[in-house]
PDB file of N, CA and C in Angstrom:
ATOM      1  N   MET A   1     -23.324  -7.992  -9.162  1.00  0.00           N
ATOM      2  CA  MET A   1     -22.833  -7.447 -10.425  1.00  0.00           C
ATOM      3  C   MET A   1     -21.323  -7.622 -10.477  1.00  0.00           C
ATOM      4  N   ALA A   2     -20.780  -7.954 -11.610  1.00  0.00           N
ATOM      5  CA  ALA A   2     -19.346  -8.175 -11.780  1.00  0.00           C
ATOM      6  C   ALA A   2     -18.594  -6.859 -11.692  1.00  0.00           C
ATOM      7  N   SER A   3     -17.380  -6.922 -11.137  1.00  0.00           N
ATOM      8  CA  SER A   3     -16.605  -5.703 -10.974  1.00  0.00           C
ATOM      9  C   SER A   3     -16.171  -5.102 -12.299  1.00  0.00           C
ATOM     10  N   THR A   4     -16.075  -5.924 -13.355  1.00  0.00           N
ATOM     11  CA  THR A   4     -15.696  -5.380 -14.660  1.00  0.00           C
ATOM     12  C   THR A   4     -16.756  -4.422 -15.186  1.00  0.00           C
ATOM     13  N   SER A   5     -18.026  -4.718 -14.906  1.00  0.00           N
ATOM     14  CA  SER A   5     -19.066  -3.819 -15.376  1.00  0.00           C
ATOM     15  C   SER A   5     -19.042  -2.499 -14.601  1.00  0.00           C
ATOM     16  N   LEU A   6     -18.592  -2.531 -13.345  1.00  0.00           N
ATOM     17  CA  LEU A   6     -18.499  -1.294 -12.571  1.00  0.00           C
ATOM     18  C   LEU A   6     -17.406  -0.382 -13.121  1.00  0.00           C
ATOM     19  N   ARG A   7     -16.344  -0.938 -13.630  1.00  0.00           N
ATOM     20  CA  ARG A   7     -15.250  -0.130 -14.153  1.00  0.00           C
ATOM     21  C   ARG A   7     -15.661   0.653 -15.400  1.00  0.00           C
ATOM     22  N   LYS A   8     -16.658   0.177 -16.108  1.00  0.00           N
ATOM     23  CA  LYS A   8     -17.066   0.820 -17.351  1.00  0.00           C
ATOM     24  C   LYS A   8     -18.093   1.932 -17.110  1.00  0.00           C
ATOM     25  N   LYS A   9     -18.635   1.987 -15.906  1.00  0.00           N
ATOM     26  CA  LYS A   9     -19.656   2.966 -15.603  1.00  0.00           C
ATOM     27  C   LYS A   9     -19.036   4.179 -14.918  1.00  0.00           C
ATOM     28  N   THR A  10     -19.688   5.314 -15.088  1.00  0.00           N
ATOM     29  CA  THR A  10     -19.302   6.482 -14.301  1.00  0.00           C
ATOM     30  C   THR A  10     -20.129   6.451 -13.017  1.00  0.00           C
ATOM     31  N   VAL A  11     -19.778   7.251 -12.064  1.00  0.00           N
ATOM     32  CA  VAL A  11     -20.487   7.258 -10.789  1.00  0.00           C
ATOM     33  C   VAL A  11     -21.967   7.570 -10.988  1.00  0.00           C
ATOM     34  N   LYS A  12     -22.264   8.476 -11.879  1.00  0.00           N
ATOM     35  CA  LYS A  12     -23.678   8.847 -12.072  1.00  0.00           C
ATOM     36  C   LYS A  12     -24.502   7.708 -12.678  1.00  0.00           C
ATOM     37  N   ASP A  13     -23.821   6.712 -13.294  1.00  0.00           N
ATOM     38  CA  ASP A  13     -24.532   5.578 -13.891  1.00  0.00           C
ATOM     39  C   ASP A  13     -24.757   4.422 -12.919  1.00  0.00           C
ATOM     40  N   LEU A  14     -24.142   4.483 -11.725  1.00  0.00           N
ATOM     41  CA  LEU A  14     -24.259   3.400 -10.755  1.00  0.00           C
ATOM     42  C   LEU A  14     -25.593   3.451 -10.029  1.00  0.00           C
ATOM     43  N   THR A  15     -26.100   2.274  -9.702  1.00  0.00           N
ATOM     44  CA  THR A  15     -27.276   2.213  -8.838  1.00  0.00           C
ATOM     45  C   THR A  15     -26.801   2.502  -7.416  1.00  0.00           C
ATOM     46  N   ILE A  16     -27.724   2.723  -6.524  1.00  0.00           N
ATOM     47  CA  ILE A  16     -27.381   2.971  -5.121  1.00  0.00           C
ATOM     48  C   ILE A  16     -26.612   1.775  -4.557  1.00  0.00           C
ATOM     49  N   GLU A  17     -27.065   0.571  -4.839  1.00  0.00           N
ATOM     50  CA  GLU A  17     -26.393  -0.636  -4.325  1.00  0.00           C
ATOM     51  C   GLU A  17     -24.992  -0.776  -4.900  1.00  0.00           C
ATOM     52  N   GLU A  18     -24.821  -0.516  -6.187  1.00  0.00           N
ATOM     53  CA  GLU A  18     -23.485  -0.586  -6.796  1.00  0.00           C
ATOM     54  C   GLU A  18     -22.561   0.450  -6.167  1.00  0.00           C
ATOM     55  N   PHE A  19     -23.088   1.636  -5.926  1.00  0.00           N
ATOM     56  CA  PHE A  19     -22.289   2.699  -5.322  1.00  0.00           C
ATOM     57  C   PHE A  19     -21.897   2.330  -3.892  1.00  0.00           C
ATOM     58  N   LYS A  20     -22.845   1.784  -3.119  1.00  0.00           N
ATOM     59  CA  LYS A  20     -22.543   1.336  -1.761  1.00  0.00           C
ATOM     60  C   LYS A  20     -21.449   0.274  -1.766  1.00  0.00           C
ATOM     61  N   ASN A  21     -21.565  -0.696  -2.674  1.00  0.00           N
ATOM     62  CA  ASN A  21     -20.558  -1.761  -2.768  1.00  0.00           C
ATOM     63  C   ASN A  21     -19.187  -1.199  -3.136  1.00  0.00           C
ATOM     64  N   LEU A  22     -19.170  -0.253  -4.039  1.00  0.00           N
ATOM     65  CA  LEU A  22     -17.921   0.381  -4.443  1.00  0.00           C
ATOM     66  C   LEU A  22     -17.264   1.094  -3.264  1.00  0.00           C
ATOM     67  N   ILE A  23     -18.048   1.835  -2.513  1.00  0.00           N
ATOM     68  CA  ILE A  23     -17.540   2.550  -1.345  1.00  0.00           C
ATOM     69  C   ILE A  23     -17.054   1.562  -0.284  1.00  0.00           C
ATOM     70  N   GLN A  24     -17.816   0.508  -0.033  1.00  0.00           N
ATOM     71  CA  GLN A  24     -17.431  -0.484   0.970  1.00  0.00           C
ATOM     72  C   GLN A  24     -16.125  -1.171   0.602  1.00  0.00           C
ATOM     73  N   ARG A  25     -15.954  -1.517  -0.656  1.00  0.00           N
ATOM     74  CA  ARG A  25     -14.697  -2.149  -1.101  1.00  0.00           C
ATOM     75  C   ARG A  25     -13.528  -1.190  -0.938  1.00  0.00           C
ATOM     76  N   SER A  26     -13.749   0.052  -1.285  1.00  0.00           N
ATOM     77  CA  SER A  26     -12.697   1.057  -1.168  1.00  0.00           C
ATOM     78  C   SER A  26     -12.283   1.241   0.288  1.00  0.00           C
ATOM     79  N   ILE A  27     -13.251   1.323   1.172  1.00  0.00           N
ATOM     80  CA  ILE A  27     -12.960   1.473   2.601  1.00  0.00           C
ATOM     81  C   ILE A  27     -12.244   0.237   3.127  1.00  0.00           C
ATOM     82  N   ALA A  28     -12.678  -0.947   2.727  1.00  0.00           N
ATOM     83  CA  ALA A  28     -12.036  -2.191   3.172  1.00  0.00           C
ATOM     84  C   ALA A  28     -10.572  -2.231   2.741  1.00  0.00           C
ATOM     85  N   GLU A  29     -10.288  -1.795   1.528  1.00  0.00           N
ATOM     86  CA  GLU A  29      -8.902  -1.760   1.046  1.00  0.00           C
ATOM     87  C   GLU A  29      -8.077  -0.777   1.865  1.00  0.00           C
ATOM     88  N   ASP A  30      -8.652   0.381   2.179  1.00  0.00           N
ATOM     89  CA  ASP A  30      -7.949   1.379   2.987  1.00  0.00           C
ATOM     90  C   ASP A  30      -7.667   0.837   4.388  1.00  0.00           C
ATOM     91  N   ILE A  31      -8.636   0.159   4.967  1.00  0.00           N
ATOM     92  CA  ILE A  31      -8.464  -0.401   6.310  1.00  0.00           C
ATOM     93  C   ILE A  31      -7.335  -1.422   6.313  1.00  0.00           C
ATOM     94  N   GLU A  32      -7.286  -2.282   5.303  1.00  0.00           N
ATOM     95  CA  GLU A  32      -6.207  -3.279   5.224  1.00  0.00           C
ATOM     96  C   GLU A  32      -4.849  -2.614   5.100  1.00  0.00           C
ATOM     97  N   ALA A  33      -4.766  -1.569   4.310  1.00  0.00           N
ATOM     98  CA  ALA A  33      -3.501  -0.851   4.147  1.00  0.00           C
ATOM     99  C   ALA A  33      -3.071  -0.222   5.468  1.00  0.00           C
ATOM    100  N   TRP A  34      -4.015   0.371   6.198  1.00  0.00           N
ATOM    101  CA  TRP A  34      -3.680   0.975   7.491  1.00  0.00           C
ATOM    102  C   TRP A  34      -3.281  -0.083   8.508  1.00  0.00           C
ATOM    103  N   LYS A  35      -3.948  -1.235   8.492  1.00  0.00           N
ATOM    104  CA  LYS A  35      -3.572  -2.323   9.405  1.00  0.00           C
ATOM    105  C   LYS A  35      -2.126  -2.733   9.171  1.00  0.00           C
ATOM    106  N   SER A  36      -1.754  -2.874   7.910  1.00  0.00           N
ATOM    107  CA  SER A  36      -0.379  -3.244   7.572  1.00  0.00           C
ATOM    108  C   SER A  36       0.601  -2.182   8.055  1.00  0.00           C
ATOM    109  N   THR A  37       0.245  -0.934   7.854  1.00  0.00           N
ATOM    110  CA  THR A  37       1.101   0.164   8.303  1.00  0.00           C
ATOM    111  C   THR A  37       1.280   0.125   9.814  1.00  0.00           C
ATOM    112  N   PHE A  38       0.188  -0.063  10.545  1.00  0.00           N
ATOM    113  CA  PHE A  38       0.269  -0.096  12.007  1.00  0.00           C
ATOM    114  C   PHE A  38       1.081  -1.299  12.491  1.00  0.00           C
ATOM    115  N   GLU A  39       0.963  -2.437  11.807  1.00  0.00           N
ATOM    116  CA  GLU A  39       1.742  -3.610  12.185  1.00  0.00           C
ATOM    117  C   GLU A  39       3.241  -3.331  12.037  1.00  0.00           C
ATOM    118  N   ILE A  40       3.606  -2.663  10.968  1.00  0.00           N
ATOM    119  CA  ILE A  40       5.019  -2.316  10.759  1.00  0.00           C
ATOM    120  C   ILE A  40       5.480  -1.329  11.821  1.00  0.00           C
ATOM    121  N   LEU A  41       4.686  -0.297  12.063  1.00  0.00           N
ATOM    122  CA  LEU A  41       5.054   0.722  13.050  1.00  0.00           C
ATOM    123  C   LEU A  41       5.153   0.139  14.464  1.00  0.00           C
ATOM    124  N   ALA A  42       4.387  -0.892  14.766  1.00  0.00           N
ATOM    125  CA  ALA A  42       4.394  -1.504  16.090  1.00  0.00           C
ATOM    126  C   ALA A  42       5.569  -2.463  16.285  1.00  0.00           C
ATOM    127  N   ASP A  43       6.199  -2.877  15.202  1.00  0.00           N
ATOM    128  CA  ASP A  43       7.320  -3.823  15.284  1.00  0.00           C
ATOM    129  C   ASP A  43       8.611  -3.030  15.500  1.00  0.00           C
ATOM    130  N   LYS A  44       9.072  -2.985  16.742  1.00  0.00           N
ATOM    131  CA  LYS A  44      10.242  -2.169  17.084  1.00  0.00           C
ATOM    132  C   LYS A  44      11.491  -2.615  16.329  1.00  0.00           C
ATOM    133  N   TYR A  45      11.672  -3.912  16.172  1.00  0.00           N
ATOM    134  CA  TYR A  45      12.855  -4.418  15.461  1.00  0.00           C
ATOM    135  C   TYR A  45      12.824  -3.986  13.994  1.00  0.00           C
ATOM    136  N   LEU A  46      11.680  -4.151  13.360  1.00  0.00           N
ATOM    137  CA  LEU A  46      11.545  -3.767  11.953  1.00  0.00           C
ATOM    138  C   LEU A  46      11.721  -2.260  11.778  1.00  0.00           C
ATOM    139  N   MET A  47      11.139  -1.471  12.676  1.00  0.00           N
ATOM    140  CA  MET A  47      11.293  -0.020  12.579  1.00  0.00           C
ATOM    141  C   MET A  47      12.754   0.398  12.759  1.00  0.00           C
ATOM    142  N   LYS A  48      13.465  -0.290  13.646  1.00  0.00           N
ATOM    143  CA  LYS A  48      14.882  -0.003  13.834  1.00  0.00           C
ATOM    144  C   LYS A  48      15.652  -0.270  12.535  1.00  0.00           C
ATOM    145  N   GLN A  49      15.302  -1.359  11.856  1.00  0.00           N
ATOM    146  CA  GLN A  49      15.934  -1.672  10.569  1.00  0.00           C
ATOM    147  C   GLN A  49      15.598  -0.618   9.515  1.00  0.00           C
ATOM    148  N   ILE A  50      14.353  -0.217   9.443  1.00  0.00           N
ATOM    149  CA  ILE A  50      13.927   0.775   8.455  1.00  0.00           C
ATOM    150  C   ILE A  50      14.620   2.107   8.704  1.00  0.00           C
ATOM    151  N   ILE A  51      14.653   2.529   9.956  1.00  0.00           N
ATOM    152  CA  ILE A  51      15.309   3.804  10.287  1.00  0.00           C
ATOM    153  C   ILE A  51      16.796   3.729   9.977  1.00  0.00           C
ATOM    154  N   GLY A  52      17.428   2.599  10.304  1.00  0.00           N
ATOM    155  CA  GLY A  52      18.848   2.419  10.000  1.00  0.00           C
ATOM    156  C   GLY A  52      19.120   2.452   8.507  1.00  0.00           C
ATOM    157  N   ALA A  53      18.269   1.810   7.739  1.00  0.00           N
ATOM    158  CA  ALA A  53      18.439   1.799   6.285  1.00  0.00           C
ATOM    159  C   ALA A  53      18.241   3.194   5.695  1.00  0.00           C
ATOM    160  N   GLU A  54      17.273   3.928   6.208  1.00  0.00           N
ATOM    161  CA  GLU A  54      17.040   5.291   5.723  1.00  0.00           C
ATOM    162  C   GLU A  54      18.226   6.190   6.056  1.00  0.00           C
ATOM    163  N   LYS A  55      18.759   6.017   7.263  1.00  0.00           N
ATOM    164  CA  LYS A  55      19.932   6.800   7.661  1.00  0.00           C
ATOM    165  C   LYS A  55      21.119   6.460   6.750  1.00  0.00           C
ATOM    166  N   ALA A  56      21.323   5.180   6.479  1.00  0.00           N
ATOM    167  CA  ALA A  56      22.414   4.761   5.591  1.00  0.00           C
ATOM    168  C   ALA A  56      22.218   5.328   4.190  1.00  0.00           C
ATOM    169  N   ARG A  57      20.970   5.323   3.718  1.00  0.00           N
ATOM    170  CA  ARG A  57      20.686   5.862   2.380  1.00  0.00           C
ATOM    171  C   ARG A  57      21.022   7.348   2.319  1.00  0.00           C
ATOM    172  N   LEU A  58      20.604   8.077   3.341  1.00  0.00           N
ATOM    173  CA  LEU A  58      20.859   9.516   3.365  1.00  0.00           C
ATOM    174  C   LEU A  58      22.351   9.832   3.465  1.00  0.00           C
ATOM    175  N   GLU A  59      23.082   8.955   4.131  1.00  0.00           N
ATOM    176  CA  GLU A  59      24.524   9.156   4.276  1.00  0.00           C
ATOM    177  C   GLU A  59      25.305   8.596   3.090  1.00  0.00           C
ATOM    178  N   GLY A  60      24.607   7.921   2.194  1.00  0.00           N
ATOM    179  CA  GLY A  60      25.258   7.384   0.998  1.00  0.00           C
ATOM    180  C   GLY A  60      26.000   6.086   1.229  1.00  0.00           C
ATOM    181  N   ALA A  61      25.686   5.372   2.292  1.00  0.00           N
ATOM    182  CA  ALA A  61      26.336   4.091   2.580  1.00  0.00           C
ATOM    183  C   ALA A  61      25.655   2.985   1.767  1.00  0.00           C
ATOM    184  N   ASP A  62      26.097   2.818   0.549  1.00  0.00           N
ATOM    185  CA  ASP A  62      25.450   1.882  -0.384  1.00  0.00           C
ATOM    186  C   ASP A  62      25.426   0.437   0.096  1.00  0.00           C
ATOM    187  N   LEU A  63      26.348   0.040   0.931  1.00  0.00           N
ATOM    188  CA  LEU A  63      26.395  -1.349   1.364  1.00  0.00           C
ATOM    189  C   LEU A  63      25.354  -1.668   2.427  1.00  0.00           C
ATOM    190  N   ASP A  64      24.786  -0.659   3.064  1.00  0.00           N
ATOM    191  CA  ASP A  64      23.850  -0.874   4.156  1.00  0.00           C
ATOM    192  C   ASP A  64      22.384  -0.947   3.731  1.00  0.00           C
ATOM    193  N   TYR A  65      22.107  -0.713   2.488  1.00  0.00           N
ATOM    194  CA  TYR A  65      20.728  -0.803   2.021  1.00  0.00           C
ATOM    195  C   TYR A  65      20.728  -1.180   0.542  1.00  0.00           C
ATOM    196  N   ILE A  66      19.589  -1.685   0.075  1.00  0.00           N
ATOM    197  CA  ILE A  66      19.427  -2.040  -1.332  1.00  0.00           C
ATOM    198  C   ILE A  66      18.405  -1.081  -1.924  1.00  0.00           C
ATOM    199  N   PRO A  67      18.775  -0.318  -2.957  1.00  0.00           N
ATOM    200  CA  PRO A  67      17.810   0.605  -3.571  1.00  0.00           C
ATOM    201  C   PRO A  67      16.602  -0.155  -4.143  1.00  0.00           C
ATOM    202  N   TRP A  68      15.446   0.482  -4.077  1.00  0.00           N
ATOM    203  CA  TRP A  68      14.209  -0.141  -4.552  1.00  0.00           C
ATOM    204  C   TRP A  68      14.328  -0.606  -6.006  1.00  0.00           C
ATOM    205  N   GLU A  69      15.020   0.130  -6.831  1.00  0.00           N
ATOM    206  CA  GLU A  69      15.154  -0.242  -8.243  1.00  0.00           C
ATOM    207  C   GLU A  69      15.815  -1.611  -8.379  1.00  0.00           C
ATOM    208  N   LYS A  70      16.805  -1.904  -7.553  1.00  0.00           N
ATOM    209  CA  LYS A  70      17.474  -3.207  -7.596  1.00  0.00           C
ATOM    210  C   LYS A  70      16.574  -4.308  -7.074  1.00  0.00           C
ATOM    211  N   VAL A  71      15.834  -4.020  -6.017  1.00  0.00           N
ATOM    212  CA  VAL A  71      14.911  -5.010  -5.456  1.00  0.00           C
ATOM    213  C   VAL A  71      13.828  -5.343  -6.478  1.00  0.00           C
ATOM    214  N   ARG A  72      13.296  -4.320  -7.103  1.00  0.00           N
ATOM    215  CA  ARG A  72      12.224  -4.507  -8.095  1.00  0.00           C
ATOM    216  C   ARG A  72      12.747  -5.276  -9.300  1.00  0.00           C
ATOM    217  N   ALA A  73      13.985  -5.015  -9.718  1.00  0.00           N
ATOM    218  CA  ALA A  73      14.565  -5.702 -10.875  1.00  0.00           C
ATOM    219  C   ALA A  73      14.764  -7.192 -10.596  1.00  0.00           C
ATOM    220  N   LYS A  74      15.042  -7.543  -9.355  1.00  0.00           N
ATOM    221  CA  LYS A  74      15.222  -8.958  -8.992  1.00  0.00           C
ATOM    222  C   LYS A  74      13.915  -9.707  -8.916  1.00  0.00           C
ATOM    223  N   GLY A  75      12.817  -8.963  -8.655  1.00  0.00           N
ATOM    224  CA  GLY A  75      11.498  -9.572  -8.446  1.00  0.00           C
ATOM    225  C   GLY A  75      11.014 -10.272  -9.628  1.00  0.00           C
TER     226      GLY A  75
END
């Protein structure tokens, strides 16, 4: 079944198979997000950069980090 048809249904309108597929996709997305998080947390160099940037942000050192709004505007 196409995912567009699932978006139009409420949970009570789903068949058991559609509901299982919906749950499996949701779990798969969560697992991917957690994998990415763990990869970042395991990278000592990247974490050092993130912590340094957060410290600079809290101290108001504008030259040491780029605010998300500016990064998003460039995208």
